[in-house]
Amino acid sequence: MMKMWRLAPVMFVLLVLPRPAAAQEWIEYSNTRDRFTVNLPAQPTIRDFTYTSWLDAKLPARVYTVERGAERYSVTFVDYTVAERVHVEKAKNCPQGTQTPCDAAIAGTDSVAQGVGAWKYDVLGALEHACEAFLKRDAKVTYFAWATIDRITGRQIHLTNPDGSRTFVEIHMLENRLYIFEATVPARQPEPALFQQSPRFLDEAGRPVRYPDNYANMYGIPEASPARQGPQGPRGGRGGRQP
């Protein structure tokens, strides 16, 4: 009994001491403005910036960041819903009758990819443009593949950095909104599963989006998909979305 009594104050102190940061619970961060949710170790800092697209459009963007020791988590949102307007304005300012950057072929595209209609090509190339930035980093690519979140298609990239740390990336696009989920953890640390497995996308009412078949931005789900038949027929780019 005496031993138990002596241990009691020690146990009490251990119970009331704050837990280390690594052991604290993560939060489910929800953002209805940019329509996503994700697990993070703390509330993120938010920074607005201008994103340069594949065809040189300047688009509004935001990055949500949390740093915890040597770990770094971020969500980058790029608003391609304004791409058409931006490209129309770019075309208005292009000199006529001479070869200029406005009408020069870009990365093998044809002449239709310039001018007023360029926005469609810019949106179609958005995923690959975002991937390119990671593939050009001073890091070893250990995984690069097609991926889905709630049947919304995208890309997944894993990198090993020169210092041994690892970076895990998910890139997806929904209704002309681009999302880049990125986490970097130190060498020999487990993959950031709480972050990786948590992203979801929201509709205009703040409800999670899940499609009945694989969704591709600007195309919706495949025309031949059974999910487009019957009472839930084709719905254009929304692709027969389910709540």
Protein backbone atom coordinates (compact mmCIF):
# COMPACT_ATOMS: atom_id res chain seq x y z
CA MET A 1 0.00 0.00 0.00
CA MET A 2 2.86 2.37 0.80
CA LYS A 3 4.41 1.85 -2.63
CA MET A 4 1.09 2.56 -4.32
CA TRP A 5 0.68 5.77 -2.30
CA ARG A 6 4.15 6.99 -3.25
CA LEU A 7 3.47 6.35 -6.93
CA ALA A 8 0.16 8.22 -6.93
CA PRO A 9 1.61 11.79 -7.00
CA VAL A 10 3.94 10.83 -9.85
CA MET A 11 1.09 9.36 -11.86
CA PHE A 12 -0.99 12.48 -11.23
CA VAL A 13 1.79 14.72 -12.54
CA LEU A 14 2.15 12.58 -15.68
CA LEU A 15 -1.57 12.80 -16.34
CA VAL A 16 -1.77 16.59 -16.07
CA LEU A 17 1.40 17.38 -18.01
CA PRO A 18 0.68 18.59 -21.56
CA ARG A 19 1.29 16.04 -24.26
CA PRO A 20 4.19 16.53 -26.67
CA ALA A 21 3.27 18.24 -29.93
CA ALA A 22 3.83 15.01 -31.88
CA ALA A 23 1.24 13.24 -29.74
CA GLN A 24 -1.45 15.90 -29.97
CA GLU A 25 -4.48 15.19 -32.10
CA TRP A 26 -4.65 16.56 -35.63
CA ILE A 27 -7.53 18.69 -36.83
CA GLU A 28 -9.82 18.25 -39.80
CA TYR A 29 -9.37 21.56 -41.58
CA SER A 30 -12.32 22.56 -43.76
CA ASN A 31 -12.31 25.45 -46.21
CA THR A 32 -15.60 26.25 -47.93
CA ARG A 33 -14.13 29.16 -49.91
CA ASP A 34 -11.75 26.91 -51.85
CA ARG A 35 -13.89 23.79 -51.32
CA PHE A 36 -11.66 21.20 -49.65
CA THR A 37 -11.01 19.45 -46.34
CA VAL A 38 -7.77 17.88 -45.12
CA ASN A 39 -6.19 16.66 -41.88
CA LEU A 40 -3.46 18.95 -40.53
CA PRO A 41 -1.41 19.08 -37.30
CA ALA A 42 -2.54 22.70 -36.67
CA GLN A 43 -4.40 25.61 -38.22
CA PRO A 44 -2.58 26.63 -41.41
CA THR A 45 -1.14 29.98 -42.35
CA ILE A 46 -2.66 31.29 -45.60
CA ARG A 47 -0.84 33.22 -48.30
CA ASP A 48 -2.29 34.59 -51.53
CA PHE A 49 -0.06 34.61 -54.60
CA THR A 50 -0.18 34.67 -58.39
CA TYR A 51 0.29 31.35 -60.18
CA THR A 52 1.70 31.21 -63.71
CA SER A 53 -0.01 28.58 -65.86
CA TRP A 54 1.41 26.48 -68.70
CA LEU A 55 0.37 29.09 -71.30
CA ASP A 56 1.54 31.98 -69.13
CA ALA A 57 -1.80 33.07 -67.67
CA LYS A 58 -1.57 34.78 -64.28
CA LEU A 59 -4.12 33.12 -62.01
CA PRO A 60 -5.19 33.79 -58.41
CA ALA A 61 -3.94 31.17 -55.96
CA ARG A 62 -3.54 30.46 -52.27
CA VAL A 63 -1.27 28.19 -50.27
CA TYR A 64 -2.23 26.79 -46.86
CA THR A 65 0.85 25.77 -44.84
CA VAL A 66 1.67 24.10 -41.53
CA GLU A 67 5.24 23.51 -40.35
CA ARG A 68 5.94 21.25 -37.39
CA GLY A 69 9.62 20.81 -36.69
CA ALA A 70 11.17 19.36 -39.83
CA GLU A 71 7.75 18.38 -41.19
CA ARG A 72 5.92 20.58 -43.68
CA TYR A 73 2.35 20.26 -44.95
CA SER A 74 0.68 22.41 -47.58
CA VAL A 75 -2.35 22.69 -49.82
CA THR A 76 -2.05 24.89 -52.90
CA PHE A 77 -5.26 26.02 -54.59
CA VAL A 78 -5.23 27.57 -58.08
CA ASP A 79 -8.38 29.13 -59.51
CA TYR A 80 -8.60 28.12 -63.18
CA THR A 81 -12.27 29.15 -63.29
CA VAL A 82 -11.03 32.60 -64.40
CA ALA A 83 -8.72 31.20 -67.10
CA GLU A 84 -11.07 32.07 -69.98
CA ARG A 85 -11.36 35.72 -68.90
CA VAL A 86 -7.59 35.99 -68.36
CA HIS A 87 -6.81 34.61 -71.82
CA VAL A 88 -9.38 36.88 -73.49
CA GLU A 89 -7.66 39.88 -71.88
CA LYS A 90 -4.24 38.56 -72.95
CA ALA A 91 -5.44 38.28 -76.56
CA LYS A 92 -6.68 41.88 -76.54
CA ASN A 93 -3.18 43.08 -75.66
CA CYS A 94 -1.34 41.08 -78.32
CA PRO A 95 0.25 43.07 -81.18
CA GLN A 96 -1.19 42.23 -84.59
CA GLY A 97 0.69 41.24 -87.73
CA THR A 98 4.00 40.20 -86.17
CA GLN A 99 5.37 37.06 -84.58
CA THR A 100 5.03 37.57 -80.83
CA PRO A 101 4.96 35.41 -77.70
CA CYS A 102 1.17 35.62 -77.96
CA ASP A 103 0.93 33.63 -81.19
CA ALA A 104 4.12 31.58 -81.04
CA ALA A 105 3.64 27.82 -80.69
CA ILE A 106 4.10 26.68 -77.09
CA ALA A 107 5.39 23.20 -76.21
CA GLY A 108 4.13 21.65 -79.42
CA THR A 109 0.59 23.04 -79.32
CA ASP A 110 -1.08 24.06 -82.57
CA SER A 111 -2.22 27.55 -83.52
CA VAL A 112 -5.64 27.01 -81.93
CA ALA A 113 -3.93 27.00 -78.52
CA GLN A 114 -3.18 30.70 -78.79
CA GLY A 115 -5.46 33.70 -78.46
CA VAL A 116 -9.01 33.66 -77.10
CA GLY A 117 -9.35 29.86 -77.22
CA ALA A 118 -6.07 29.19 -75.42
CA TRP A 119 -7.77 28.89 -72.05
CA LYS A 120 -9.17 25.45 -72.91
CA TYR A 121 -5.71 24.08 -73.66
CA ASP A 122 -4.33 25.77 -70.55
CA VAL A 123 -6.93 24.09 -68.35
CA LEU A 124 -6.43 20.71 -70.04
CA GLY A 125 -2.68 20.96 -69.41
CA ALA A 126 -2.97 22.15 -65.82
CA LEU A 127 -2.28 18.79 -64.14
CA GLU A 128 0.81 18.12 -66.24
CA HIS A 129 2.07 21.66 -65.70
CA ALA A 130 1.76 21.23 -61.93
CA CYS A 131 3.51 17.84 -62.09
CA GLU A 132 6.38 19.32 -64.12
CA ALA A 133 7.38 21.61 -61.26
CA PHE A 134 7.91 18.60 -58.97
CA LEU A 135 9.60 16.42 -61.59
CA LYS A 136 12.17 19.16 -62.19
CA ARG A 137 13.13 19.45 -58.53
CA ASP A 138 16.58 18.44 -57.31
CA ALA A 139 15.17 15.18 -55.97
CA LYS A 140 14.80 11.53 -56.96
CA VAL A 141 11.35 10.54 -58.22
CA THR A 142 10.46 7.24 -56.57
CA TYR A 143 6.80 7.07 -57.60
CA PHE A 144 4.70 8.79 -60.29
CA ALA A 145 1.23 7.49 -61.11
CA TRP A 146 -2.40 8.16 -61.90
CA ALA A 147 -4.55 8.47 -58.76
CA THR A 148 -8.07 9.26 -57.55
CA ILE A 149 -9.71 10.88 -54.55
CA ASP A 150 -13.41 10.04 -54.38
CA ARG A 151 -13.13 9.05 -58.08
CA ILE A 152 -11.72 12.49 -58.98
CA THR A 153 -8.66 11.67 -61.07
CA GLY A 154 -5.21 13.17 -60.66
CA ARG A 155 -1.54 12.34 -60.18
CA GLN A 156 0.56 11.11 -57.27
CA ILE A 157 4.29 11.80 -56.93
CA HIS A 158 6.83 10.65 -54.32
CA LEU A 159 10.27 12.27 -54.08
CA THR A 160 13.40 11.58 -52.06
CA ASN A 161 15.26 14.83 -51.42
CA PRO A 162 19.07 15.27 -51.20
CA ASP A 163 18.95 15.41 -47.38
CA GLY A 164 17.05 12.11 -47.22
CA SER A 165 13.69 13.68 -46.42
CA ARG A 166 10.72 12.53 -48.49
CA THR A 167 7.98 14.51 -50.21
CA PHE A 168 4.54 13.12 -51.01
CA VAL A 169 2.31 14.93 -53.51
CA GLU A 170 -1.29 14.56 -54.72
CA ILE A 171 -2.51 16.78 -57.58
CA HIS A 172 -6.18 16.87 -58.60
CA MET A 173 -8.56 19.12 -60.49
CA LEU A 174 -12.29 19.54 -60.00
CA GLU A 175 -14.52 21.98 -61.94
CA ASN A 176 -11.48 23.99 -63.07
CA ARG A 177 -10.06 24.24 -59.56
CA LEU A 178 -6.55 22.85 -59.12
CA TYR A 179 -5.42 21.34 -55.80
CA ILE A 180 -1.86 20.36 -54.83
CA PHE A 181 -1.51 18.46 -51.54
CA GLU A 182 2.14 18.25 -50.45
CA ALA A 183 3.84 16.82 -47.35
CA THR A 184 7.56 16.54 -46.53
CA VAL A 185 8.84 14.42 -43.64
CA PRO A 186 12.40 13.80 -42.38
CA ALA A 187 14.48 10.79 -43.38
CA ARG A 188 13.41 7.46 -41.84
CA GLN A 189 10.13 8.92 -40.64
CA PRO A 190 6.90 7.10 -41.63
CA GLU A 191 4.80 8.38 -44.50
CA PRO A 192 2.35 11.11 -43.43
CA ALA A 193 -0.70 8.88 -43.72
CA LEU A 194 -3.00 11.14 -41.66
CA PHE A 195 -2.45 13.85 -44.26
CA GLN A 196 -2.22 11.67 -47.39
CA GLN A 197 -5.46 9.79 -46.87
CA SER A 198 -7.58 12.72 -45.74
CA PRO A 199 -8.18 15.16 -48.65
CA ARG A 200 -11.74 15.59 -49.84
CA PHE A 201 -13.44 18.09 -52.12
CA LEU A 202 -16.59 20.09 -51.37
CA ASP A 203 -19.40 21.39 -53.55
CA GLU A 204 -20.78 24.94 -53.45
CA ALA A 205 -22.93 24.01 -50.43
CA GLY A 206 -19.95 22.64 -48.48
CA ARG A 207 -20.88 18.97 -48.95
CA PRO A 208 -18.28 16.29 -49.76
CA VAL A 209 -18.15 15.35 -53.46
CA ARG A 210 -17.90 11.76 -54.63
CA TYR A 211 -18.51 10.61 -58.19
CA PRO A 212 -20.02 7.23 -59.19
CA ASP A 213 -17.28 6.75 -61.81
CA ASN A 214 -13.87 8.26 -62.58
CA TYR A 215 -14.16 12.01 -63.15
CA ALA A 216 -11.80 13.99 -65.41
CA ASN A 217 -11.87 17.77 -65.30
CA MET A 218 -13.70 19.35 -68.29
CA TYR A 219 -15.06 15.92 -69.30
CA GLY A 220 -16.93 14.63 -66.26
CA ILE A 221 -17.33 10.86 -66.14
CA PRO A 222 -17.11 8.68 -69.29
CA GLU A 223 -20.07 8.86 -71.69
CA ALA A 224 -20.24 5.05 -71.72
CA SER A 225 -20.32 4.77 -67.93
CA PRO A 226 -23.42 3.03 -66.50
CA ALA A 227 -23.52 5.89 -63.98
CA ARG A 228 -24.60 8.24 -66.81
CA GLN A 229 -27.61 6.12 -67.74
CA GLY A 230 -31.17 6.08 -66.41
CA PRO A 231 -32.54 8.77 -64.05
CA GLN A 232 -29.04 10.08 -63.36
CA GLY A 233 -28.21 10.76 -66.99
CA PRO A 234 -25.42 12.96 -68.33
CA ARG A 235 -24.93 16.25 -66.47
CA GLY A 236 -22.18 17.81 -68.55
CA GLY A 237 -18.95 18.53 -66.69
CA ARG A 238 -20.46 17.55 -63.37
CA GLY A 239 -20.56 13.96 -64.58
CA GLY A 240 -23.53 12.63 -62.62
CA ARG A 241 -22.17 13.63 -59.21
CA GLN A 242 -23.59 11.95 -56.15
CA PRO A 243 -23.91 13.68 -52.76
